[in-house]
PDB file of N, CA and C in Angstrom:
ATOM      1  N   MET A   1     -82.246  22.435 110.278  1.00  0.00           N
ATOM      2  CA  MET A   1     -82.867  22.025 111.328  1.00  0.00           C
ATOM      3  C   MET A   1     -82.145  23.097 112.158  1.00  0.00           C
ATOM      4  N   ILE A   2     -82.826  23.886 113.069  1.00  0.00           N
ATOM      5  CA  ILE A   2     -82.198  24.829 114.119  1.00  0.00           C
ATOM      6  C   ILE A   2     -82.282  24.122 115.773  1.00  0.00           C
ATOM      7  N   TYR A   3     -81.190  23.761 116.359  1.00  0.00           N
ATOM      8  CA  TYR A   3     -81.869  23.683 117.920  1.00  0.00           C
ATOM      9  C   TYR A   3     -81.246  24.396 119.083  1.00  0.00           C
ATOM     10  N   ASP A   4     -82.208  24.412 119.997  1.00  0.00           N
ATOM     11  CA  ASP A   4     -81.521  25.623 120.822  1.00  0.00           C
ATOM     12  C   ASP A   4     -82.104  24.613 122.142  1.00  0.00           C
ATOM     13  N   PHE A   5     -80.730  24.765 122.503  1.00  0.00           N
ATOM     14  CA  PHE A   5     -79.930  23.872 124.002  1.00  0.00           C
ATOM     15  C   PHE A   5     -79.870  24.921 124.990  1.00  0.00           C
ATOM     16  N   SER A   6     -80.872  25.935 124.625  1.00  0.00           N
ATOM     17  CA  SER A   6     -80.849  27.085 126.138  1.00  0.00           C
ATOM     18  C   SER A   6     -81.733  26.476 127.216  1.00  0.00           C
ATOM     19  N   PHE A   7     -83.016  25.547 126.872  1.00  0.00           N
ATOM     20  CA  PHE A   7     -83.349  24.876 127.911  1.00  0.00           C
ATOM     21  C   PHE A   7     -83.086  24.095 128.671  1.00  0.00           C
ATOM     22  N   GLN A   8     -81.761  23.508 128.037  1.00  0.00           N
ATOM     23  CA  GLN A   8     -80.922  22.447 128.708  1.00  0.00           C
ATOM     24  C   GLN A   8     -80.330  22.943 129.982  1.00  0.00           C
ATOM     25  N   GLN A   9     -79.773  24.368 129.555  1.00  0.00           N
ATOM     26  CA  GLN A   9     -78.791  25.365 130.545  1.00  0.00           C
ATOM     27  C   GLN A   9     -79.592  25.554 131.956  1.00  0.00           C
ATOM     28  N   ARG A  10     -81.001  26.028 130.911  1.00  0.00           N
ATOM     29  CA  ARG A  10     -81.442  26.296 132.330  1.00  0.00           C
ATOM     30  C   ARG A  10     -82.531  25.418 132.903  1.00  0.00           C
ATOM     31  N   PHE A  11     -82.686  24.431 132.550  1.00  0.00           N
ATOM     32  CA  PHE A  11     -83.100  23.203 133.443  1.00  0.00           C
ATOM     33  C   PHE A  11     -81.828  22.629 134.339  1.00  0.00           C
ATOM     34  N   LYS A  12     -80.614  22.561 133.771  1.00  0.00           N
ATOM     35  CA  LYS A  12     -79.225  22.217 134.938  1.00  0.00           C
ATOM     36  C   LYS A  12     -79.366  23.606 136.180  1.00  0.00           C
ATOM     37  N   LYS A  13     -79.557  25.361 135.337  1.00  0.00           N
ATOM     38  CA  LYS A  13     -79.205  26.220 137.000  1.00  0.00           C
ATOM     39  C   LYS A  13     -80.404  25.572 137.827  1.00  0.00           C
ATOM     40  N   ILE A  14     -81.552  25.545 137.237  1.00  0.00           N
ATOM     41  CA  ILE A  14     -82.868  25.407 138.103  1.00  0.00           C
ATOM     42  C   ILE A  14     -82.447  23.999 139.342  1.00  0.00           C
ATOM     43  N   LYS A  15     -81.910  22.966 138.623  1.00  0.00           N
ATOM     44  CA  LYS A  15     -81.547  21.673 139.265  1.00  0.00           C
ATOM     45  C   LYS A  15     -80.378  21.540 140.497  1.00  0.00           C
ATOM     46  N   LEU A  16     -79.442  22.884 139.483  1.00  0.00           N
ATOM     47  CA  LEU A  16     -78.144  23.388 140.583  1.00  0.00           C
ATOM     48  C   LEU A  16     -78.750  24.073 141.685  1.00  0.00           C
ATOM     49  N   TYR A  17     -79.666  24.980 141.587  1.00  0.00           N
ATOM     50  CA  TYR A  17     -80.127  25.452 143.070  1.00  0.00           C
ATOM     51  C   TYR A  17     -80.937  24.949 143.383  1.00  0.00           C
ATOM     52  N   GLU A  18     -82.081  24.446 143.129  1.00  0.00           N
ATOM     53  CA  GLU A  18     -82.900  23.590 144.219  1.00  0.00           C
ATOM     54  C   GLU A  18     -81.507  22.091 145.014  1.00  0.00           C
ATOM     55  N   ILE A  19     -80.571  22.077 144.623  1.00  0.00           N
ATOM     56  CA  ILE A  19     -79.856  20.809 145.299  1.00  0.00           C
ATOM     57  C   ILE A  19     -78.896  21.894 146.169  1.00  0.00           C
ATOM     58  N   ALA A  20     -78.616  23.559 146.084  1.00  0.00           N
ATOM     59  CA  ALA A  20     -78.321  24.333 146.219  1.00  0.00           C
ATOM     60  C   ALA A  20     -79.023  24.752 148.060  1.00  0.00           C
ATOM     61  N   ALA A  21     -79.927  25.256 147.795  1.00  0.00           N
ATOM     62  CA  ALA A  21     -81.170  25.388 148.596  1.00  0.00           C
ATOM     63  C   ALA A  21     -81.527  24.238 148.921  1.00  0.00           C
ATOM     64  N   ARG A  22     -81.706  22.988 149.304  1.00  0.00           N
ATOM     65  CA  ARG A  22     -81.533  21.784 149.791  1.00  0.00           C
ATOM     66  C   ARG A  22     -80.909  21.887 151.021  1.00  0.00           C
ATOM     67  N   LYS A  23     -79.164  22.121 150.394  1.00  0.00           N
ATOM     68  CA  LYS A  23     -78.439  21.979 151.218  1.00  0.00           C
ATOM     69  C   LYS A  23     -78.320  22.662 152.516  1.00  0.00           C
ATOM     70  N   ILE A  24     -78.868  24.010 151.753  1.00  0.00           N
ATOM     71  CA  ILE A  24     -78.329  25.617 152.544  1.00  0.00           C
ATOM     72  C   ILE A  24     -79.551  25.354 153.791  1.00  0.00           C
ATOM     73  N   LEU A  25     -80.608  24.452 153.406  1.00  0.00           N
ATOM     74  CA  LEU A  25     -81.930  24.961 154.600  1.00  0.00           C
ATOM     75  C   LEU A  25     -81.856  23.643 155.143  1.00  0.00           C
ATOM     76  N   GLY A  26     -81.383  22.469 154.606  1.00  0.00           N
ATOM     77  CA  GLY A  26     -80.960  20.928 155.594  1.00  0.00           C
ATOM     78  C   GLY A  26     -82.174  20.315 155.383  1.00  0.00           C
ATOM     79  N   VAL A  27     -82.739  20.419 154.345  1.00  0.00           N
ATOM     80  CA  VAL A  27     -83.773  19.324 153.900  1.00  0.00           C
ATOM     81  C   VAL A  27     -83.802  18.634 153.033  1.00  0.00           C
ATOM     82  N   GLU A  28     -83.872  17.538 152.916  1.00  0.00           N
ATOM     83  CA  GLU A  28     -84.237  16.400 151.568  1.00  0.00           C
ATOM     84  C   GLU A  28     -84.963  16.241 150.534  1.00  0.00           C
ATOM     85  N   GLU A  29     -85.209  15.986 149.553  1.00  0.00           N
ATOM     86  CA  GLU A  29     -85.895  16.008 148.570  1.00  0.00           C
ATOM     87  C   GLU A  29     -87.309  15.299 148.930  1.00  0.00           C
ATOM     88  N   THR A  30     -87.498  14.572 149.579  1.00  0.00           N
ATOM     89  CA  THR A  30     -88.872  13.504 149.923  1.00  0.00           C
ATOM     90  C   THR A  30     -89.237  14.585 150.876  1.00  0.00           C
ATOM     91  N   ASP A  31     -88.909  16.103 151.883  1.00  0.00           N
ATOM     92  CA  ASP A  31     -89.606  16.123 153.022  1.00  0.00           C
ATOM     93  C   ASP A  31     -90.734  17.237 152.387  1.00  0.00           C
ATOM     94  N   PRO A  32     -91.648  17.037 153.106  1.00  0.00           N
ATOM     95  CA  PRO A  32     -92.660  18.183 152.658  1.00  0.00           C
ATOM     96  C   PRO A  32     -92.153  19.608 153.167  1.00  0.00           C
ATOM     97  N   VAL A  33     -93.459  20.362 152.700  1.00  0.00           N
ATOM     98  CA  VAL A  33     -93.371  21.744 152.604  1.00  0.00           C
ATOM     99  C   VAL A  33     -93.202  22.133 154.224  1.00  0.00           C
ATOM    100  N   TRP A  34     -93.624  21.052 155.103  1.00  0.00           N
ATOM    101  CA  TRP A  34     -94.107  21.395 156.398  1.00  0.00           C
ATOM    102  C   TRP A  34     -92.794  21.419 157.616  1.00  0.00           C
ATOM    103  N   ILE A  35     -91.893  20.684 156.459  1.00  0.00           N
ATOM    104  CA  ILE A  35     -90.087  20.606 157.353  1.00  0.00           C
ATOM    105  C   ILE A  35     -89.466  21.429 156.517  1.00  0.00           C
ATOM    106  N   ILE A  36     -89.466  22.153 155.337  1.00  0.00           N
ATOM    107  CA  ILE A  36     -88.923  23.038 154.610  1.00  0.00           C
ATOM    108  C   ILE A  36     -89.276  24.546 155.457  1.00  0.00           C
ATOM    109  N   ARG A  37     -90.549  24.828 155.522  1.00  0.00           N
ATOM    110  CA  ARG A  37     -91.103  26.052 156.796  1.00  0.00           C
ATOM    111  C   ARG A  37     -90.572  25.779 157.770  1.00  0.00           C
ATOM    112  N   HIS A  38     -90.296  24.741 158.523  1.00  0.00           N
ATOM    113  CA  HIS A  38     -90.177  24.975 159.829  1.00  0.00           C
ATOM    114  C   HIS A  38     -88.147  25.117 160.017  1.00  0.00           C
ATOM    115  N   ASN A  39     -87.349  24.268 158.795  1.00  0.00           N
ATOM    116  CA  ASN A  39     -86.342  24.534 159.198  1.00  0.00           C
ATOM    117  C   ASN A  39     -85.886  26.243 158.563  1.00  0.00           C
ATOM    118  N   TYR A  40     -87.170  26.441 157.729  1.00  0.00           N
ATOM    119  CA  TYR A  40     -86.499  27.863 157.162  1.00  0.00           C
ATOM    120  C   TYR A  40     -86.721  28.871 158.270  1.00  0.00           C
ATOM    121  N   LEU A  41     -87.623  28.280 159.447  1.00  0.00           N
ATOM    122  CA  LEU A  41     -87.841  29.597 160.508  1.00  0.00           C
ATOM    123  C   LEU A  41     -87.150  29.831 161.210  1.00  0.00           C
ATOM    124  N   LYS A  42     -86.737  28.417 161.621  1.00  0.00           N
ATOM    125  CA  LYS A  42     -85.462  27.895 162.662  1.00  0.00           C
ATOM    126  C   LYS A  42     -84.298  29.114 162.011  1.00  0.00           C
ATOM    127  N   LEU A  43     -83.799  28.701 161.263  1.00  0.00           N
ATOM    128  CA  LEU A  43     -82.129  29.560 160.620  1.00  0.00           C
ATOM    129  C   LEU A  43     -83.016  30.869 160.492  1.00  0.00           C
ATOM    130  N   ALA A  44     -83.703  31.351 159.824  1.00  0.00           N
ATOM    131  CA  ALA A  44     -83.901  32.917 159.707  1.00  0.00           C
ATOM    132  C   ALA A  44     -84.120  33.191 161.246  1.00  0.00           C
ATOM    133  N   LYS A  45     -84.609  32.623 162.073  1.00  0.00           N
ATOM    134  CA  LYS A  45     -84.838  33.191 163.398  1.00  0.00           C
ATOM    135  C   LYS A  45     -83.308  33.398 163.905  1.00  0.00           C
ATOM    136  N   GLN A  46     -82.183  32.475 163.895  1.00  0.00           N
ATOM    137  CA  GLN A  46     -81.158  32.374 164.196  1.00  0.00           C
ATOM    138  C   GLN A  46     -79.788  33.100 163.685  1.00  0.00           C
ATOM    139  N   TYR A  47     -80.075  33.172 162.488  1.00  0.00           N
ATOM    140  CA  TYR A  47     -79.152  34.411 161.749  1.00  0.00           C
ATOM    141  C   TYR A  47     -79.708  35.452 161.218  1.00  0.00           C
ATOM    142  N   HIS A  48     -81.245  36.269 161.690  1.00  0.00           N
ATOM    143  CA  HIS A  48     -81.536  37.525 161.788  1.00  0.00           C
ATOM    144  C   HIS A  48     -80.441  38.487 161.815  1.00  0.00           C
ATOM    145  N   PRO A  49     -80.465  39.740 160.730  1.00  0.00           N
ATOM    146  CA  PRO A  49     -79.714  40.500 161.181  1.00  0.00           C
ATOM    147  C   PRO A  49     -79.807  41.664 162.097  1.00  0.00           C
ATOM    148  N   ASP A  50     -81.183  41.661 162.528  1.00  0.00           N
ATOM    149  CA  ASP A  50     -81.674  42.308 163.734  1.00  0.00           C
ATOM    150  C   ASP A  50     -80.369  41.802 165.245  1.00  0.00           C
ATOM    151  N   ILE A  51     -80.886  40.292 165.027  1.00  0.00           N
ATOM    152  CA  ILE A  51     -79.923  39.264 166.288  1.00  0.00           C
ATOM    153  C   ILE A  51     -78.367  39.603 165.955  1.00  0.00           C
ATOM    154  N   ASN A  52     -78.354  39.188 164.345  1.00  0.00           N
ATOM    155  CA  ASN A  52     -76.835  39.259 164.254  1.00  0.00           C
ATOM    156  C   ASN A  52     -76.231  39.796 163.434  1.00  0.00           C
ATOM    157  N   PRO A  53     -75.922  40.904 162.844  1.00  0.00           N
ATOM    158  CA  PRO A  53     -75.699  41.841 162.359  1.00  0.00           C
ATOM    159  C   PRO A  53     -74.307  41.306 160.948  1.00  0.00           C
ATOM    160  N   LYS A  54     -73.935  40.615 161.469  1.00  0.00           N
ATOM    161  CA  LYS A  54     -72.422  39.982 160.485  1.00  0.00           C
ATOM    162  C   LYS A  54     -73.248  39.007 159.539  1.00  0.00           C
ATOM    163  N   THR A  55     -74.353  38.631 160.007  1.00  0.00           N
ATOM    164  CA  THR A  55     -75.102  37.241 159.075  1.00  0.00           C
ATOM    165  C   THR A  55     -75.812  37.886 157.657  1.00  0.00           C
ATOM    166  N   SER A  56     -76.085  39.302 157.850  1.00  0.00           N
ATOM    167  CA  SER A  56     -77.207  39.777 156.548  1.00  0.00           C
ATOM    168  C   SER A  56     -76.861  38.912 154.996  1.00  0.00           C
ATOM    169  N   ASP A  57     -75.874  38.212 154.568  1.00  0.00           N
ATOM    170  CA  ASP A  57     -75.932  37.936 153.154  1.00  0.00           C
ATOM    171  C   ASP A  57     -76.602  36.298 154.148  1.00  0.00           C
ATOM    172  N   LEU A  58     -75.782  35.319 154.533  1.00  0.00           N
ATOM    173  CA  LEU A  58     -76.523  34.237 154.723  1.00  0.00           C
ATOM    174  C   LEU A  58     -77.802  34.817 155.093  1.00  0.00           C
ATOM    175  N   PHE A  59     -78.231  35.223 155.698  1.00  0.00           N
ATOM    176  CA  PHE A  59     -79.821  35.626 155.768  1.00  0.00           C
ATOM    177  C   PHE A  59     -80.174  35.752 154.485  1.00  0.00           C
ATOM    178  N   LYS A  60     -79.582  36.593 153.681  1.00  0.00           N
ATOM    179  CA  LYS A  60     -80.339  36.114 152.404  1.00  0.00           C
ATOM    180  C   LYS A  60     -80.404  35.394 151.538  1.00  0.00           C
ATOM    181  N   ASP A  61     -79.494  34.554 151.690  1.00  0.00           N
ATOM    182  CA  ASP A  61     -79.104  33.136 151.109  1.00  0.00           C
ATOM    183  C   ASP A  61     -80.591  32.061 151.974  1.00  0.00           C
ATOM    184  N   ILE A  62     -80.538  32.435 152.800  1.00  0.00           N
ATOM    185  CA  ILE A  62     -81.650  31.441 153.482  1.00  0.00           C
ATOM    186  C   ILE A  62     -83.072  31.744 153.003  1.00  0.00           C
ATOM    187  N   ASN A  63     -83.653  33.213 152.837  1.00  0.00           N
ATOM    188  CA  ASN A  63     -84.847  33.137 151.968  1.00  0.00           C
ATOM    189  C   ASN A  63     -84.704  33.113 150.427  1.00  0.00           C
ATOM    190  N   THR A  64     -83.808  33.434 150.231  1.00  0.00           N
ATOM    191  CA  THR A  64     -83.617  32.741 148.466  1.00  0.00           C
ATOM    192  C   THR A  64     -83.438  31.275 148.711  1.00  0.00           C
ATOM    193  N   ALA A  65     -83.118  30.293 149.208  1.00  0.00           N
ATOM    194  CA  ALA A  65     -83.595  29.039 149.257  1.00  0.00           C
ATOM    195  C   ALA A  65     -84.780  28.871 149.503  1.00  0.00           C
ATOM    196  N   TYR A  66     -85.525  29.502 150.545  1.00  0.00           N
ATOM    197  CA  TYR A  66     -86.551  29.018 150.803  1.00  0.00           C
ATOM    198  C   TYR A  66     -87.748  29.286 149.499  1.00  0.00           C
ATOM    199  N   ALA A  67     -87.502  30.591 148.728  1.00  0.00           N
ATOM    200  CA  ALA A  67     -88.306  30.815 147.589  1.00  0.00           C
ATOM    201  C   ALA A  67     -87.571  29.889 146.593  1.00  0.00           C
ATOM    202  N   ILE A  68     -86.913  28.911 146.129  1.00  0.00           N
ATOM    203  CA  ILE A  68     -86.658  28.528 145.564  1.00  0.00           C
ATOM    204  C   ILE A  68     -87.166  26.948 145.538  1.00  0.00           C
ATOM    205  N   LEU A  69     -87.464  26.517 146.382  1.00  0.00           N
ATOM    206  CA  LEU A  69     -88.360  25.380 147.125  1.00  0.00           C
ATOM    207  C   LEU A  69     -89.589  25.867 147.079  1.00  0.00           C
ATOM    208  N   THR A  70     -90.597  26.730 147.150  1.00  0.00           N
ATOM    209  CA  THR A  70     -91.848  26.598 147.645  1.00  0.00           C
ATOM    210  C   THR A  70     -92.489  27.584 146.546  1.00  0.00           C
ATOM    211  N   LYS A  71     -91.797  28.554 145.764  1.00  0.00           N
ATOM    212  CA  LYS A  71     -92.213  28.803 144.533  1.00  0.00           C
ATOM    213  C   LYS A  71     -92.010  28.346 143.394  1.00  0.00           C
ATOM    214  N   LYS A  72     -93.115  28.294 142.357  1.00  0.00           N
ATOM    215  CA  LYS A  72     -92.925  27.679 141.468  1.00  0.00           C
ATOM    216  C   LYS A  72     -92.800  28.305 140.715  1.00  0.00           C
ATOM    217  N   ASP A  73     -93.564  29.664 140.603  1.00  0.00           N
ATOM    218  CA  ASP A  73     -92.970  30.327 139.076  1.00  0.00           C
ATOM    219  C   ASP A  73     -91.831  31.428 139.653  1.00  0.00           C
ATOM    220  N   LEU A  74     -91.132  31.133 140.164  1.00  0.00           N
ATOM    221  CA  LEU A  74     -89.989  31.659 140.428  1.00  0.00           C
ATOM    222  C   LEU A  74     -89.118  32.397 139.179  1.00  0.00           C
ATOM    223  N   ASP A  75     -88.591  33.785 138.944  1.00  0.00           N
ATOM    224  CA  ASP A  75     -87.733  33.629 137.830  1.00  0.00           C
ATOM    225  C   ASP A  75     -86.543  33.234 138.149  1.00  0.00           C
ATOM    226  N   ILE A  76     -85.640  32.299 137.593  1.00  0.00           N
ATOM    227  CA  ILE A  76     -84.093  31.353 138.170  1.00  0.00           C
ATOM    228  C   ILE A  76     -83.518  32.274 137.736  1.00  0.00           C
ATOM    229  N   ASP A  77     -83.076  33.268 136.489  1.00  0.00           N
ATOM    230  CA  ASP A  77     -81.969  33.912 135.944  1.00  0.00           C
ATOM    231  C   ASP A  77     -81.741  35.301 137.585  1.00  0.00           C
ATOM    232  N   SER A  78     -83.215  35.599 137.862  1.00  0.00           N
ATOM    233  CA  SER A  78     -82.963  36.973 138.949  1.00  0.00           C
ATOM    234  C   SER A  78     -82.644  35.939 140.419  1.00  0.00           C
ATOM    235  N   VAL A  79     -82.217  34.749 140.609  1.00  0.00           N
ATOM    236  CA  VAL A  79     -81.807  34.474 141.893  1.00  0.00           C
ATOM    237  C   VAL A  79     -80.493  34.596 141.641  1.00  0.00           C
ATOM    238  N   LYS A  80     -79.956  35.186 143.279  1.00  0.00           N
ATOM    239  CA  LYS A  80     -78.789  35.500 143.516  1.00  0.00           C
ATOM    240  C   LYS A  80     -78.133  34.498 144.662  1.00  0.00           C
ATOM    241  N   PHE A  81     -77.342  33.533 144.793  1.00  0.00           N
ATOM    242  CA  PHE A  81     -76.543  33.727 146.047  1.00  0.00           C
ATOM    243  C   PHE A  81     -75.380  34.348 146.683  1.00  0.00           C
ATOM    244  N   TYR A  82     -75.328  34.970 147.752  1.00  0.00           N
ATOM    245  CA  TYR A  82     -74.287  36.088 148.295  1.00  0.00           C
ATOM    246  C   TYR A  82     -73.135  35.249 148.832  1.00  0.00           C
ATOM    247  N   THR A  83     -73.221  33.576 149.769  1.00  0.00           N
ATOM    248  CA  THR A  83     -72.094  33.246 150.401  1.00  0.00           C
ATOM    249  C   THR A  83     -71.674  32.138 149.350  1.00  0.00           C
ATOM    250  N   LEU A  84     -72.006  31.854 148.334  1.00  0.00           N
ATOM    251  CA  LEU A  84     -72.123  30.504 147.409  1.00  0.00           C
ATOM    252  C   LEU A  84     -71.224  30.946 146.303  1.00  0.00           C
ATOM    253  N   SER A  85     -70.528  30.378 145.837  1.00  0.00           N
ATOM    254  CA  SER A  85     -69.675  30.864 144.460  1.00  0.00           C
ATOM    255  C   SER A  85     -70.180  29.817 143.810  1.00  0.00           C
ATOM    256  N   LEU A  86     -69.864  29.759 142.433  1.00  0.00           N
ATOM    257  CA  LEU A  86     -70.006  28.219 141.496  1.00  0.00           C
ATOM    258  C   LEU A  86     -69.502  27.153 141.859  1.00  0.00           C
ATOM    259  N   GLU A  87     -68.376  27.161 142.183  1.00  0.00           N
ATOM    260  CA  GLU A  87     -67.452  26.262 142.685  1.00  0.00           C
ATOM    261  C   GLU A  87     -68.264  25.276 143.859  1.00  0.00           C
ATOM    262  N   ASP A  88     -68.954  26.242 144.599  1.00  0.00           N
ATOM    263  CA  ASP A  88     -69.676  25.841 145.977  1.00  0.00           C
ATOM    264  C   ASP A  88     -71.041  24.895 145.112  1.00  0.00           C
ATOM    265  N   LEU A  89     -71.380  25.528 144.434  1.00  0.00           N
ATOM    266  CA  LEU A  89     -72.716  24.962 143.358  1.00  0.00           C
ATOM    267  C   LEU A  89     -72.465  23.583 143.291  1.00  0.00           C
ATOM    268  N   GLU A  90     -71.090  23.806 142.560  1.00  0.00           N
ATOM    269  CA  GLU A  90     -70.920  22.502 141.784  1.00  0.00           C
ATOM    270  C   GLU A  90     -70.579  21.549 142.669  1.00  0.00           C
ATOM    271  N   ARG A  91     -69.635  21.702 143.230  1.00  0.00           N
ATOM    272  CA  ARG A  91     -68.963  20.607 144.799  1.00  0.00           C
ATOM    273  C   ARG A  91     -70.392  20.131 144.900  1.00  0.00           C
ATOM    274  N   PHE A  92     -71.594  21.162 145.606  1.00  0.00           N
ATOM    275  CA  PHE A  92     -72.806  20.493 145.906  1.00  0.00           C
ATOM    276  C   PHE A  92     -73.673  19.678 145.066  1.00  0.00           C
ATOM    277  N   GLU A  93     -73.374  19.932 143.547  1.00  0.00           N
ATOM    278  CA  GLU A  93     -74.335  18.665 143.004  1.00  0.00           C
ATOM    279  C   GLU A  93     -73.347  17.522 142.831  1.00  0.00           C
ATOM    280  N   GLU A  94     -72.309  17.246 142.816  1.00  0.00           N
ATOM    281  CA  GLU A  94     -70.830  16.526 142.905  1.00  0.00           C
ATOM    282  C   GLU A  94     -72.063  15.540 144.270  1.00  0.00           C
ATOM    283  N   GLU A  95     -71.836  16.287 145.846  1.00  0.00           N
ATOM    284  CA  GLU A  95     -71.909  15.360 146.647  1.00  0.00           C
ATOM    285  C   GLU A  95     -73.812  14.914 146.606  1.00  0.00           C
ATOM    286  N   TYR A  96     -74.284  15.820 145.687  1.00  0.00           N
ATOM    287  CA  TYR A  96     -75.685  15.287 145.625  1.00  0.00           C
ATOM    288  C   TYR A  96     -75.635  13.902 144.953  1.00  0.00           C
ATOM    289  N   LYS A  97     -75.435  13.794 143.361  1.00  0.00           N
ATOM    290  CA  LYS A  97     -75.341  12.684 142.853  1.00  0.00           C
ATOM    291  C   LYS A  97     -74.178  11.137 143.302  1.00  0.00           C
ATOM    292  N   MET A  98     -73.640  11.751 143.809  1.00  0.00           N
ATOM    293  CA  MET A  98     -72.799  10.841 145.009  1.00  0.00           C
ATOM    294  C   MET A  98     -73.432   9.685 145.731  1.00  0.00           C
ATOM    295  N   GLU A  99     -74.806  11.115 146.887  1.00  0.00           N
ATOM    296  CA  GLU A  99     -75.438  10.505 147.874  1.00  0.00           C
ATOM    297  C   GLU A  99     -76.561   9.836 146.927  1.00  0.00           C
ATOM    298  N   LYS A 100     -77.018  10.072 145.847  1.00  0.00           N
ATOM    299  CA  LYS A 100     -77.709   9.322 145.115  1.00  0.00           C
ATOM    300  C   LYS A 100     -77.624   8.326 144.761  1.00  0.00           C
ATOM    301  N   ASP A 101     -76.423   8.103 143.821  1.00  0.00           N
ATOM    302  CA  ASP A 101     -75.869   6.567 143.342  1.00  0.00           C
ATOM    303  C   ASP A 101     -75.761   5.848 144.673  1.00  0.00           C
ATOM    304  N   LYS A 102     -75.340   5.890 145.744  1.00  0.00           N
ATOM    305  CA  LYS A 102     -75.279   5.278 146.799  1.00  0.00           C
ATOM    306  C   LYS A 102     -76.251   4.664 147.452  1.00  0.00           C
ATOM    307  N   ASN A 103     -77.528   5.775 147.148  1.00  0.00           N
ATOM    308  CA  ASN A 103     -78.727   5.075 147.673  1.00  0.00           C
ATOM    309  C   ASN A 103     -79.337   4.422 146.535  1.00  0.00           C
ATOM    310  N   ASN A 104     -79.206   4.377 145.431  1.00  0.00           N
ATOM    311  CA  ASN A 104     -79.380   3.192 144.476  1.00  0.00           C
ATOM    312  C   ASN A 104     -78.653   2.294 144.520  1.00  0.00           C
ATOM    313  N   TYR A 105     -77.924   2.384 144.772  1.00  0.00           N
ATOM    314  CA  TYR A 105     -76.888   0.989 145.354  1.00  0.00           C
ATOM    315  C   TYR A 105     -77.181   0.372 146.092  1.00  0.00           C
ATOM    316  N   TYR A 106     -77.439   0.677 147.402  1.00  0.00           N
ATOM    317  CA  TYR A 106     -78.232  -0.021 148.516  1.00  0.00           C
ATOM    318  C   TYR A 106     -79.414  -0.519 148.490  1.00  0.00           C
ATOM    319  N   GLU A 107     -80.117   0.338 147.907  1.00  0.00           N
ATOM    320  CA  GLU A 107     -81.389   0.037 147.247  1.00  0.00           C
ATOM    321  C   GLU A 107     -81.739  -1.784 146.253  1.00  0.00           C
ATOM    322  N   ASN A 108     -80.441  -1.095 145.015  1.00  0.00           N
ATOM    323  CA  ASN A 108     -80.716  -2.696 144.156  1.00  0.00           C
ATOM    324  C   ASN A 108     -79.899  -3.877 145.145  1.00  0.00           C
ATOM    325  N   TRP A 109     -79.333  -3.816 145.877  1.00  0.00           N
ATOM    326  CA  TRP A 109     -79.380  -4.884 146.765  1.00  0.00           C
ATOM    327  C   TRP A 109     -79.836  -5.670 148.042  1.00  0.00           C
ATOM    328  N   ARG A 110     -81.014  -4.188 147.978  1.00  0.00           N
ATOM    329  CA  ARG A 110     -81.455  -4.666 149.238  1.00  0.00           C
ATOM    330  C   ARG A 110     -82.644  -5.293 148.522  1.00  0.00           C
ATOM    331  N   LYS A 111     -83.680  -5.190 147.190  1.00  0.00           N
ATOM    332  CA  LYS A 111     -84.302  -5.410 146.372  1.00  0.00           C
ATOM    333  C   LYS A 111     -84.297  -6.888 146.034  1.00  0.00           C
ATOM    334  N   ARG A 112     -82.693  -6.870 145.569  1.00  0.00           N
ATOM    335  CA  ARG A 112     -81.990  -8.500 145.391  1.00  0.00           C
ATOM    336  C   ARG A 112     -82.506  -9.626 146.561  1.00  0.00           C
ATOM    337  N   PHE A 113     -82.111  -9.193 147.607  1.00  0.00           N
ATOM    338  CA  PHE A 113     -81.907  -9.663 148.870  1.00  0.00           C
ATOM    339  C   PHE A 113     -83.193 -10.226 149.874  1.00  0.00           C
ATOM    340  N   PHE A 114     -83.828  -9.416 149.673  1.00  0.00           N
ATOM    341  CA  PHE A 114     -84.986  -8.860 150.729  1.00  0.00           C
ATOM    342  C   PHE A 114     -86.633  -9.215 150.158  1.00  0.00           C
TER     343      PHE A 114
END
C-alpha cells in the first residue's frame, strides 16, 4: 500500500502561515472577523506605500495575512511573505505552541481548584 503524506506537509504549511498571519495582524485565534478586518485596515492605512514608500513589502505581507485569514479557498502554494523568512515562521510556530501550552496549563489548574 502506498501512502501519500503530502497532505500533512500542506496542512503544516497552512497552519504555519495562519500563525504568521495572526502575528502580523496582531489578532488571536478566537477573534471574530470584524476584529481581523479592523486590525487589517489600521495596519494597511499605516503602512500603505503612498504614505510610506519604504514599507511596500510590509504592506504586501499585511495583504497576504488578511487573505490567509479571510479567504477559505486560498491556494496556499501561491502565498509568499516578503519580509518573513522560514526561520521567522518556525519561530512564530514555537512561540504559538509555548503560549498554547501555558494557557492549557493554567486552565487545567483553574478547573481543578475553582
